[in-house]
């Protein structure tokens, strides 16, 4: 099913939430050794994560496979990344949510 939302005030996070996908801010942020990505899904979905640098280059892609409904976390080692701003993206059955994180 496709749901069309015409409101100018609806953010991408809200659209993803309507689809049963929520992505939290990584913790800690800024991170220096390890960070945790937390997310929840309302039904079983195929999950992948991407971390990108500011030029948009994929630094890491994590294939989690199919996960059941509920709250999930992924621990990610950032110690090999250079200091700076990065984005991380949760991809759940083609629906994606992106947030920013700082590495120090």
N, C-alpha and C. Protein backbone atom coordinates (compact mmCIF):
# COMPACT_ATOMS: atom_id res chain seq x y z
N UNK A 1 0.83 -1.18 0.00
CA UNK A 1 0.00 0.00 0.00
C UNK A 1 0.87 1.24 0.00
N UNK A 2 0.42 2.26 -0.68
CA UNK A 2 1.13 3.52 -0.73
C UNK A 2 0.28 4.57 -0.07
N UNK A 3 0.91 5.38 0.79
CA UNK A 3 0.18 6.44 1.48
C UNK A 3 0.78 7.76 1.05
N UNK A 4 -0.01 8.63 0.45
CA UNK A 4 0.43 9.93 -0.01
C UNK A 4 0.08 10.98 1.03
N UNK A 5 1.11 11.72 1.47
CA UNK A 5 0.91 12.77 2.47
C UNK A 5 1.21 14.10 1.80
N UNK A 6 0.25 14.99 1.80
CA UNK A 6 0.39 16.25 1.08
C UNK A 6 0.73 17.44 1.98
N UNK A 7 0.83 17.24 3.27
CA UNK A 7 1.13 18.34 4.17
C UNK A 7 2.58 18.77 4.06
N UNK A 8 2.83 20.08 4.03
CA UNK A 8 4.20 20.61 4.00
C UNK A 8 4.91 20.40 5.32
N UNK A 9 4.19 20.15 6.37
CA UNK A 9 4.76 20.08 7.71
C UNK A 9 5.18 18.67 8.11
N UNK A 10 4.99 17.70 7.29
CA UNK A 10 5.34 16.32 7.64
C UNK A 10 6.79 16.07 7.29
N UNK A 11 7.58 15.71 8.28
CA UNK A 11 9.01 15.44 8.08
C UNK A 11 9.23 14.00 7.67
N UNK A 12 10.41 13.73 7.16
CA UNK A 12 10.77 12.37 6.73
C UNK A 12 10.65 11.40 7.90
N UNK A 13 11.08 11.81 9.10
CA UNK A 13 10.97 10.95 10.28
C UNK A 13 9.52 10.59 10.56
N UNK A 14 8.61 11.54 10.36
CA UNK A 14 7.20 11.27 10.60
C UNK A 14 6.66 10.27 9.59
N UNK A 15 7.08 10.39 8.34
CA UNK A 15 6.65 9.44 7.30
C UNK A 15 7.15 8.04 7.64
N UNK A 16 8.42 7.94 8.05
CA UNK A 16 8.96 6.65 8.43
C UNK A 16 8.23 6.09 9.65
N UNK A 17 7.90 6.97 10.60
CA UNK A 17 7.17 6.54 11.78
C UNK A 17 5.79 5.98 11.40
N UNK A 18 5.16 6.60 10.44
CA UNK A 18 3.87 6.10 9.95
C UNK A 18 4.04 4.69 9.38
N UNK A 19 5.22 4.43 8.79
CA UNK A 19 5.52 3.10 8.24
C UNK A 19 6.02 2.14 9.31
N UNK A 20 6.05 2.56 10.58
CA UNK A 20 6.44 1.67 11.66
C UNK A 20 7.93 1.55 11.86
N UNK A 21 8.69 2.59 11.52
CA UNK A 21 10.14 2.58 11.65
C UNK A 21 10.55 3.83 12.42
N UNK A 22 11.33 3.66 13.48
CA UNK A 22 11.84 4.79 14.26
C UNK A 22 13.32 4.60 14.50
N UNK A 23 14.11 5.65 14.26
CA UNK A 23 15.55 5.63 14.46
C UNK A 23 15.91 6.68 15.49
N UNK A 24 16.62 6.27 16.53
CA UNK A 24 17.05 7.21 17.56
C UNK A 24 18.39 7.83 17.23
N UNK A 25 18.76 8.84 17.99
CA UNK A 25 20.08 9.46 17.86
C UNK A 25 21.11 8.49 18.44
N UNK A 26 22.24 8.37 17.76
CA UNK A 26 23.29 7.49 18.28
C UNK A 26 23.77 8.00 19.64
N UNK A 27 24.23 7.07 20.47
CA UNK A 27 24.76 7.44 21.79
C UNK A 27 26.07 6.72 22.02
N UNK A 28 27.09 7.35 22.54
CA UNK A 28 27.14 8.79 22.77
C UNK A 28 27.32 9.54 21.45
N UNK A 29 27.03 10.79 21.49
CA UNK A 29 27.24 11.67 20.34
C UNK A 29 27.68 13.03 20.86
N UNK A 30 28.92 13.43 20.68
CA UNK A 30 29.95 12.83 19.82
C UNK A 30 30.51 11.53 20.40
N UNK A 31 31.00 10.71 19.49
CA UNK A 31 31.56 9.41 19.86
C UNK A 31 33.05 9.37 19.54
N UNK A 32 33.78 8.55 20.29
CA UNK A 32 35.21 8.43 20.01
C UNK A 32 35.68 6.99 19.89
N UNK A 33 35.00 6.04 20.51
CA UNK A 33 35.39 4.63 20.41
C UNK A 33 34.28 3.77 19.83
N UNK A 34 33.17 3.73 20.54
CA UNK A 34 32.03 2.93 20.11
C UNK A 34 30.77 3.78 20.28
N UNK A 35 29.84 3.59 19.36
CA UNK A 35 28.55 4.25 19.49
C UNK A 35 27.46 3.20 19.29
N UNK A 36 26.28 3.50 19.78
CA UNK A 36 25.14 2.58 19.68
C UNK A 36 24.05 3.24 18.85
N UNK A 37 23.57 2.52 17.85
CA UNK A 37 22.42 2.94 17.06
C UNK A 37 21.21 2.18 17.60
N UNK A 38 20.16 2.89 17.98
CA UNK A 38 18.93 2.27 18.48
C UNK A 38 17.80 2.55 17.50
N UNK A 39 16.99 1.54 17.26
CA UNK A 39 15.85 1.71 16.37
C UNK A 39 14.77 0.71 16.75
N UNK A 40 13.56 1.00 16.34
CA UNK A 40 12.49 0.03 16.53
C UNK A 40 11.65 -0.05 15.27
N UNK A 41 11.15 -1.25 15.06
CA UNK A 41 10.32 -1.54 13.88
C UNK A 41 9.05 -2.23 14.35
N UNK A 42 7.96 -1.93 13.69
CA UNK A 42 6.66 -2.45 14.12
C UNK A 42 6.36 -3.85 13.58
N UNK A 43 7.15 -4.28 12.60
CA UNK A 43 6.96 -5.62 12.04
C UNK A 43 8.29 -6.13 11.52
N UNK A 44 8.37 -7.39 11.22
CA UNK A 44 9.61 -7.98 10.71
C UNK A 44 10.01 -7.31 9.40
N UNK A 45 11.30 -6.91 9.33
CA UNK A 45 11.80 -6.21 8.14
C UNK A 45 13.25 -6.58 7.88
N UNK A 46 13.66 -6.45 6.63
CA UNK A 46 15.06 -6.61 6.24
C UNK A 46 15.77 -5.30 6.56
N UNK A 47 16.85 -5.37 7.35
CA UNK A 47 17.50 -4.18 7.89
C UNK A 47 18.94 -4.06 7.41
N UNK A 48 19.33 -2.85 7.02
CA UNK A 48 20.72 -2.53 6.71
C UNK A 48 21.02 -1.15 7.28
N UNK A 49 22.29 -0.90 7.59
CA UNK A 49 22.76 0.40 8.06
C UNK A 49 23.89 0.86 7.17
N UNK A 50 23.92 2.15 6.88
CA UNK A 50 25.05 2.73 6.16
C UNK A 50 25.57 3.93 6.94
N UNK A 51 26.90 4.03 6.99
CA UNK A 51 27.55 5.20 7.56
C UNK A 51 28.26 5.88 6.40
N UNK A 52 28.06 7.20 6.26
CA UNK A 52 28.64 7.96 5.15
C UNK A 52 29.43 9.15 5.69
N UNK A 53 30.48 9.51 4.95
CA UNK A 53 31.21 10.73 5.28
C UNK A 53 30.50 11.91 4.64
N UNK A 54 31.02 13.11 4.84
CA UNK A 54 30.34 14.31 4.33
C UNK A 54 30.29 14.40 2.81
N UNK A 55 31.18 13.69 2.13
CA UNK A 55 31.14 13.70 0.66
C UNK A 55 30.12 12.70 0.13
N UNK A 56 29.46 11.96 1.04
CA UNK A 56 28.44 10.99 0.63
C UNK A 56 28.97 9.60 0.37
N UNK A 57 30.28 9.41 0.57
CA UNK A 57 30.89 8.09 0.34
C UNK A 57 30.50 7.14 1.46
N UNK A 58 30.08 5.93 1.10
CA UNK A 58 29.73 4.92 2.10
C UNK A 58 31.01 4.43 2.76
N UNK A 59 31.11 4.66 4.07
CA UNK A 59 32.26 4.23 4.85
C UNK A 59 32.05 2.79 5.31
N UNK A 60 30.83 2.48 5.72
CA UNK A 60 30.49 1.14 6.22
C UNK A 60 29.06 0.81 5.83
N UNK A 61 28.84 -0.44 5.46
CA UNK A 61 27.47 -0.94 5.26
C UNK A 61 27.34 -2.19 6.12
N UNK A 62 26.33 -2.19 6.96
CA UNK A 62 26.09 -3.31 7.87
C UNK A 62 24.77 -3.96 7.45
N UNK A 63 24.83 -5.21 7.04
CA UNK A 63 23.63 -5.97 6.69
C UNK A 63 23.19 -6.76 7.91
N UNK A 64 22.08 -6.40 8.50
CA UNK A 64 21.58 -7.09 9.68
C UNK A 64 20.67 -8.26 9.31
N UNK A 65 20.20 -8.29 8.08
CA UNK A 65 19.25 -9.34 7.68
C UNK A 65 17.86 -9.01 8.17
N UNK A 66 17.02 -10.01 8.27
CA UNK A 66 15.64 -9.80 8.70
C UNK A 66 15.57 -9.84 10.22
N UNK A 67 15.02 -8.78 10.79
CA UNK A 67 14.83 -8.68 12.23
C UNK A 67 13.34 -8.63 12.54
N UNK A 68 12.97 -9.19 13.67
CA UNK A 68 11.57 -9.18 14.10
C UNK A 68 11.17 -7.83 14.66
N UNK A 69 9.89 -7.67 14.86
CA UNK A 69 9.36 -6.43 15.43
C UNK A 69 9.94 -6.19 16.81
N UNK A 70 10.13 -4.90 17.14
CA UNK A 70 10.61 -4.56 18.47
C UNK A 70 11.76 -3.58 18.43
N UNK A 71 12.39 -3.40 19.60
CA UNK A 71 13.53 -2.49 19.74
C UNK A 71 14.82 -3.24 19.46
N UNK A 72 15.73 -2.59 18.76
CA UNK A 72 17.00 -3.21 18.39
C UNK A 72 18.13 -2.19 18.55
N UNK A 73 19.35 -2.70 18.75
CA UNK A 73 20.53 -1.84 18.82
C UNK A 73 21.65 -2.46 18.01
N UNK A 74 22.50 -1.60 17.48
CA UNK A 74 23.70 -2.02 16.78
C UNK A 74 24.87 -1.25 17.40
N UNK A 75 25.88 -1.97 17.84
CA UNK A 75 27.09 -1.35 18.37
C UNK A 75 28.06 -1.17 17.20
N UNK A 76 28.65 0.02 17.09
CA UNK A 76 29.50 0.34 15.95
C UNK A 76 30.81 0.95 16.43
N UNK A 77 31.93 0.38 16.00
CA UNK A 77 33.26 0.86 16.36
C UNK A 77 33.64 2.04 15.46
N UNK A 78 33.79 3.22 16.06
CA UNK A 78 34.12 4.43 15.29
C UNK A 78 35.59 4.81 15.43
N UNK A 79 36.37 4.00 16.13
CA UNK A 79 37.76 4.37 16.42
C UNK A 79 38.63 4.49 15.18
N UNK A 80 38.23 3.88 14.08
CA UNK A 80 39.03 3.97 12.84
C UNK A 80 38.61 5.15 11.96
N UNK A 81 37.54 5.85 12.33
CA UNK A 81 37.06 6.98 11.54
C UNK A 81 37.80 8.26 11.92
N UNK A 82 38.02 9.12 10.96
CA UNK A 82 38.59 10.44 11.23
C UNK A 82 37.57 11.30 11.94
N UNK A 83 38.04 12.26 12.70
CA UNK A 83 37.14 13.19 13.38
C UNK A 83 36.31 13.95 12.35
N UNK A 84 35.06 14.22 12.70
CA UNK A 84 34.21 14.99 11.81
C UNK A 84 32.76 14.58 11.88
N UNK A 85 32.00 15.09 10.94
CA UNK A 85 30.57 14.84 10.85
C UNK A 85 30.31 13.71 9.87
N UNK A 86 29.43 12.79 10.26
CA UNK A 86 29.04 11.66 9.42
C UNK A 86 27.52 11.55 9.47
N UNK A 87 26.96 10.79 8.54
CA UNK A 87 25.54 10.45 8.61
C UNK A 87 25.43 8.95 8.73
N UNK A 88 24.35 8.51 9.35
CA UNK A 88 24.04 7.08 9.39
C UNK A 88 22.60 6.92 8.94
N UNK A 89 22.38 5.85 8.20
CA UNK A 89 21.08 5.61 7.59
C UNK A 89 20.58 4.22 7.93
N UNK A 90 19.36 4.14 8.43
CA UNK A 90 18.67 2.88 8.63
C UNK A 90 17.85 2.62 7.38
N UNK A 91 18.04 1.46 6.77
CA UNK A 91 17.27 1.09 5.59
C UNK A 91 16.45 -0.15 5.97
N UNK A 92 15.14 -0.01 5.95
CA UNK A 92 14.24 -1.10 6.34
C UNK A 92 13.26 -1.36 5.21
N UNK A 93 13.50 -2.43 4.47
CA UNK A 93 12.63 -2.77 3.33
C UNK A 93 12.43 -1.59 2.39
N UNK A 94 13.51 -0.87 2.09
CA UNK A 94 13.46 0.22 1.14
C UNK A 94 13.10 1.58 1.72
N UNK A 95 12.64 1.63 2.97
CA UNK A 95 12.36 2.89 3.63
C UNK A 95 13.61 3.27 4.41
N UNK A 96 14.07 4.51 4.25
CA UNK A 96 15.30 4.89 4.94
C UNK A 96 15.12 6.16 5.77
N UNK A 97 15.87 6.20 6.87
CA UNK A 97 15.92 7.37 7.75
C UNK A 97 17.39 7.67 7.98
N UNK A 98 17.78 8.93 7.86
CA UNK A 98 19.16 9.34 8.03
C UNK A 98 19.28 10.36 9.15
N UNK A 99 20.31 10.20 9.97
CA UNK A 99 20.62 11.15 11.03
C UNK A 99 22.11 11.45 11.01
N UNK A 100 22.51 12.51 11.72
CA UNK A 100 23.90 12.92 11.78
C UNK A 100 24.56 12.47 13.07
N UNK A 101 25.88 12.25 13.00
CA UNK A 101 26.65 11.97 14.21
C UNK A 101 28.02 12.62 14.08
N UNK A 102 28.62 12.90 15.23
CA UNK A 102 29.92 13.54 15.28
C UNK A 102 30.93 12.54 15.85
N UNK A 103 32.08 12.45 15.18
CA UNK A 103 33.17 11.60 15.65
C UNK A 103 34.29 12.53 16.09
N UNK A 104 34.84 12.27 17.29
CA UNK A 104 35.96 13.09 17.75
C UNK A 104 37.19 12.29 17.97
